[in-house]
Amino acid sequence: MSLLTDVIGGLLRGSGSGSAMQGVLQELLAGGQRAPAQPGQGGGLGGLSGLVSAFEQAGLGNVVQSWISSGPNQPVSPEQLQNVLGQDRVQSMAQQAGLPPHSFLSELSQHLPKAVDQVTPQGRLPDEGTITV
């Protein structure tokens, strides 16, 4: 089992949507095999570095950087996530998770900051390709 699988499994343990959200979080954090997409489009973000870029392009770089740094994590709202990810991507990921989009965004807003925080324990992005499922 990989570090990412362990981290996500630990975060989702006890939540009603554990297995449903696991694949989505893994794709967001380790989806670097796919070409990055622009915010608002479907497709992958390009893993953690692509996710960080999407937050920065949406004007939320300080939020995602708080998850990476060793300080406290700033919260992200479902509406902010909708803006970062775009409607098409949210729709696709919600369907993958088996949740309505509003429930999916609510779950993701709770789990994504913790997941990013735990896969960046040194307070920096890991080298490209080192986060594996």
C-alpha atoms as a PDB file:
ATOM      1  CA  MET A   1       0.000   0.000   0.000  1.00  0.00           C
ATOM      2  CA  SER A   2       1.284   3.472  -0.836  1.00  0.00           C
ATOM      3  CA  LEU A   3       1.606   6.472   1.458  1.00  0.00           C
ATOM      4  CA  LEU A   4      -1.223   8.184  -0.412  1.00  0.00           C
ATOM      5  CA  THR A   5      -3.551   5.208   0.012  1.00  0.00           C
ATOM      6  CA  ASP A   6      -2.689   5.059   3.721  1.00  0.00           C
ATOM      7  CA  VAL A   7      -3.236   8.812   4.184  1.00  0.00           C
ATOM      8  CA  ILE A   8      -6.562   8.894   2.372  1.00  0.00           C
ATOM      9  CA  GLY A   9      -7.774   5.696   4.021  1.00  0.00           C
ATOM     10  CA  GLY A  10      -6.987   7.159   7.442  1.00  0.00           C
ATOM     11  CA  LEU A  11      -8.744  10.435   6.681  1.00  0.00           C
ATOM     12  CA  LEU A  12     -11.879   8.788   5.374  1.00  0.00           C
ATOM     13  CA  ARG A  13     -12.149   6.058   7.999  1.00  0.00           C
ATOM     14  CA  GLY A  14     -15.431   6.516   9.786  1.00  0.00           C
ATOM     15  CA  SER A  15     -16.901   8.866   7.193  1.00  0.00           C
ATOM     16  CA  GLY A  16     -19.918   7.551   5.359  1.00  0.00           C
ATOM     17  CA  SER A  17     -18.382   8.165   1.942  1.00  0.00           C
ATOM     18  CA  GLY A  18     -14.917   6.703   2.567  1.00  0.00           C
ATOM     19  CA  SER A  19     -14.514   4.429  -0.420  1.00  0.00           C
ATOM     20  CA  ALA A  20     -16.504   6.737  -2.682  1.00  0.00           C
ATOM     21  CA  MET A  21     -14.167   9.673  -2.038  1.00  0.00           C
ATOM     22  CA  GLN A  22     -10.922   7.682  -1.997  1.00  0.00           C
ATOM     23  CA  GLY A  23     -10.600   7.399  -5.771  1.00  0.00           C
ATOM     24  CA  VAL A  24     -11.382  11.076  -6.277  1.00  0.00           C
ATOM     25  CA  LEU A  25      -8.786  12.229  -3.735  1.00  0.00           C
ATOM     26  CA  GLN A  26      -6.202   9.872  -5.223  1.00  0.00           C
ATOM     27  CA  GLU A  27      -6.848  11.288  -8.686  1.00  0.00           C
ATOM     28  CA  LEU A  28      -6.569  14.879  -7.441  1.00  0.00           C
ATOM     29  CA  LEU A  29      -3.299  14.257  -5.589  1.00  0.00           C
ATOM     30  CA  ALA A  30      -1.559  11.687  -7.797  1.00  0.00           C
ATOM     31  CA  GLY A  31      -3.254  12.182 -11.152  1.00  0.00           C
ATOM     32  CA  GLY A  32      -0.039  13.440 -12.722  1.00  0.00           C
ATOM     33  CA  GLN A  33      -0.197  10.877 -15.506  1.00  0.00           C
ATOM     34  CA  ARG A  34      -2.879  12.939 -17.240  1.00  0.00           C
ATOM     35  CA  ALA A  35      -2.290  16.285 -18.873  1.00  0.00           C
ATOM     36  CA  PRO A  36      -3.356  19.258 -16.778  1.00  0.00           C
ATOM     37  CA  ALA A  37      -6.633  20.874 -17.766  1.00  0.00           C
ATOM     38  CA  GLN A  38      -7.565  24.503 -17.435  1.00  0.00           C
ATOM     39  CA  PRO A  39      -9.889  25.436 -14.574  1.00  0.00           C
ATOM     40  CA  GLY A  40     -13.490  24.918 -15.568  1.00  0.00           C
ATOM     41  CA  GLN A  41     -12.731  22.090 -17.989  1.00  0.00           C
ATOM     42  CA  GLY A  42     -13.144  18.364 -17.470  1.00  0.00           C
ATOM     43  CA  GLY A  43     -10.173  16.045 -17.168  1.00  0.00           C
ATOM     44  CA  GLY A  44      -7.317  15.743 -14.750  1.00  0.00           C
ATOM     45  CA  LEU A  45      -5.474  18.550 -13.046  1.00  0.00           C
ATOM     46  CA  GLY A  46      -2.074  16.913 -13.301  1.00  0.00           C
ATOM     47  CA  GLY A  47      -1.753  15.771  -9.697  1.00  0.00           C
ATOM     48  CA  LEU A  48      -0.821  17.854  -6.687  1.00  0.00           C
ATOM     49  CA  SER A  49       1.190  20.442  -8.613  1.00  0.00           C
ATOM     50  CA  GLY A  50      -1.725  20.922 -11.019  1.00  0.00           C
ATOM     51  CA  LEU A  51      -4.116  21.252  -8.102  1.00  0.00           C
ATOM     52  CA  VAL A  52      -1.901  23.938  -6.552  1.00  0.00           C
ATOM     53  CA  SER A  53      -1.794  25.768  -9.902  1.00  0.00           C
ATOM     54  CA  ALA A  54      -5.593  25.636 -10.190  1.00  0.00           C
ATOM     55  CA  PHE A  55      -5.947  27.163  -6.705  1.00  0.00           C
ATOM     56  CA  GLU A  56      -3.423  29.876  -7.580  1.00  0.00           C
ATOM     57  CA  GLN A  57      -5.229  30.692 -10.847  1.00  0.00           C
ATOM     58  CA  ALA A  58      -8.482  31.020  -8.885  1.00  0.00           C
ATOM     59  CA  GLY A  59      -6.855  33.504  -6.481  1.00  0.00           C
ATOM     60  CA  LEU A  60      -6.694  30.956  -3.650  1.00  0.00           C
ATOM     61  CA  GLY A  61      -2.964  30.276  -3.622  1.00  0.00           C
ATOM     62  CA  ASN A  62      -2.737  31.353   0.023  1.00  0.00           C
ATOM     63  CA  VAL A  63      -5.335  28.734   0.983  1.00  0.00           C
ATOM     64  CA  VAL A  64      -3.604  25.794  -0.688  1.00  0.00           C
ATOM     65  CA  GLN A  65      -0.191  26.993   0.521  1.00  0.00           C
ATOM     66  CA  SER A  66      -1.505  26.886   4.104  1.00  0.00           C
ATOM     67  CA  TRP A  67      -2.200  23.170   3.643  1.00  0.00           C
ATOM     68  CA  ILE A  68       1.329  22.581   2.353  1.00  0.00           C
ATOM     69  CA  SER A  69       3.101  24.671   4.995  1.00  0.00           C
ATOM     70  CA  SER A  70       3.619  23.508   8.555  1.00  0.00           C
ATOM     71  CA  GLY A  71       1.156  26.059   9.976  1.00  0.00           C
ATOM     72  CA  PRO A  72      -2.606  25.753  10.446  1.00  0.00           C
ATOM     73  CA  ASN A  73      -4.768  24.847   7.443  1.00  0.00           C
ATOM     74  CA  GLN A  74      -7.101  27.529   6.127  1.00  0.00           C
ATOM     75  CA  PRO A  75     -10.579  26.224   5.319  1.00  0.00           C
ATOM     76  CA  VAL A  76     -11.942  26.044   1.796  1.00  0.00           C
ATOM     77  CA  SER A  77     -15.653  26.366   1.089  1.00  0.00           C
ATOM     78  CA  PRO A  78     -17.611  24.165  -1.311  1.00  0.00           C
ATOM     79  CA  GLU A  79     -18.188  27.275  -3.445  1.00  0.00           C
ATOM     80  CA  GLN A  80     -14.448  27.969  -3.636  1.00  0.00           C
ATOM     81  CA  LEU A  81     -13.817  24.369  -4.671  1.00  0.00           C
ATOM     82  CA  GLN A  82     -16.480  24.700  -7.374  1.00  0.00           C
ATOM     83  CA  ASN A  83     -14.630  27.768  -8.661  1.00  0.00           C
ATOM     84  CA  VAL A  84     -11.223  26.044  -8.587  1.00  0.00           C
ATOM     85  CA  LEU A  85     -12.318  22.781 -10.172  1.00  0.00           C
ATOM     86  CA  GLY A  86     -15.005  24.015 -12.546  1.00  0.00           C
ATOM     87  CA  GLN A  87     -18.511  22.688 -13.016  1.00  0.00           C
ATOM     88  CA  ASP A  88     -17.656  19.965 -15.544  1.00  0.00           C
ATOM     89  CA  ARG A  89     -14.908  18.476 -13.384  1.00  0.00           C
ATOM     90  CA  VAL A  90     -17.055  18.672 -10.230  1.00  0.00           C
ATOM     91  CA  GLN A  91     -19.909  16.936 -12.042  1.00  0.00           C
ATOM     92  CA  SER A  92     -17.591  14.168 -13.247  1.00  0.00           C
ATOM     93  CA  MET A  93     -15.917  13.640  -9.870  1.00  0.00           C
ATOM     94  CA  ALA A  94     -19.232  13.725  -7.994  1.00  0.00           C
ATOM     95  CA  GLN A  95     -20.552  11.051 -10.326  1.00  0.00           C
ATOM     96  CA  GLN A  96     -17.377   8.991  -9.765  1.00  0.00           C
ATOM     97  CA  ALA A  97     -17.881   9.333  -5.995  1.00  0.00           C
ATOM     98  CA  GLY A  98     -21.574   8.471  -6.290  1.00  0.00           C
ATOM     99  CA  LEU A  99     -22.664  11.700  -4.619  1.00  0.00           C
ATOM    100  CA  PRO A 100     -24.742  14.702  -5.677  1.00  0.00           C
ATOM    101  CA  PRO A 101     -22.441  17.640  -6.536  1.00  0.00           C
ATOM    102  CA  HIS A 102     -23.330  19.702  -3.428  1.00  0.00           C
ATOM    103  CA  SER A 103     -22.634  16.733  -1.108  1.00  0.00           C
ATOM    104  CA  PHE A 104     -19.442  15.921  -2.982  1.00  0.00           C
ATOM    105  CA  LEU A 105     -18.141  19.490  -2.626  1.00  0.00           C
ATOM    106  CA  SER A 106     -19.019  19.530   1.070  1.00  0.00           C
ATOM    107  CA  GLU A 107     -17.123  16.254   1.643  1.00  0.00           C
ATOM    108  CA  LEU A 108     -14.180  17.410  -0.459  1.00  0.00           C
ATOM    109  CA  SER A 109     -13.933  20.709   1.437  1.00  0.00           C
ATOM    110  CA  GLN A 110     -13.469  18.707   4.640  1.00  0.00           C
ATOM    111  CA  HIS A 111     -11.006  16.089   3.362  1.00  0.00           C
ATOM    112  CA  LEU A 112      -8.844  17.823   0.746  1.00  0.00           C
ATOM    113  CA  PRO A 113      -7.008  20.231   3.111  1.00  0.00           C
ATOM    114  CA  LYS A 114      -6.096  17.362   5.453  1.00  0.00           C
ATOM    115  CA  ALA A 115      -5.000  15.118   2.586  1.00  0.00           C
ATOM    116  CA  VAL A 116      -2.738  17.787   1.068  1.00  0.00           C
ATOM    117  CA  ASP A 117      -1.355  18.580   4.529  1.00  0.00           C
ATOM    118  CA  GLN A 118      -0.480  14.947   5.182  1.00  0.00           C
ATOM    119  CA  VAL A 119       1.219  14.299   1.834  1.00  0.00           C
ATOM    120  CA  THR A 120       3.388  17.417   2.286  1.00  0.00           C
ATOM    121  CA  PRO A 121       4.868  16.837   5.767  1.00  0.00           C
ATOM    122  CA  GLN A 122       8.066  18.775   5.004  1.00  0.00           C
ATOM    123  CA  GLY A 123       6.072  21.888   4.132  1.00  0.00           C
ATOM    124  CA  ARG A 124       6.803  21.681   0.404  1.00  0.00           C
ATOM    125  CA  LEU A 125       5.508  19.905  -2.660  1.00  0.00           C
ATOM    126  CA  PRO A 126       7.088  16.491  -3.165  1.00  0.00           C
ATOM    127  CA  ASP A 127       9.069  15.864  -6.335  1.00  0.00           C
ATOM    128  CA  GLU A 128       6.926  15.244  -9.416  1.00  0.00           C
ATOM    129  CA  GLY A 129       5.807  11.631  -9.670  1.00  0.00           C
ATOM    130  CA  THR A 130       6.638  10.673  -6.073  1.00  0.00           C
ATOM    131  CA  ILE A 131       3.010  10.608  -4.929  1.00  0.00           C
ATOM    132  CA  THR A 132       1.726   7.271  -6.114  1.00  0.00           C
ATOM    133  CA  VAL A 133      -1.482   5.394  -5.555  1.00  0.00           C
END
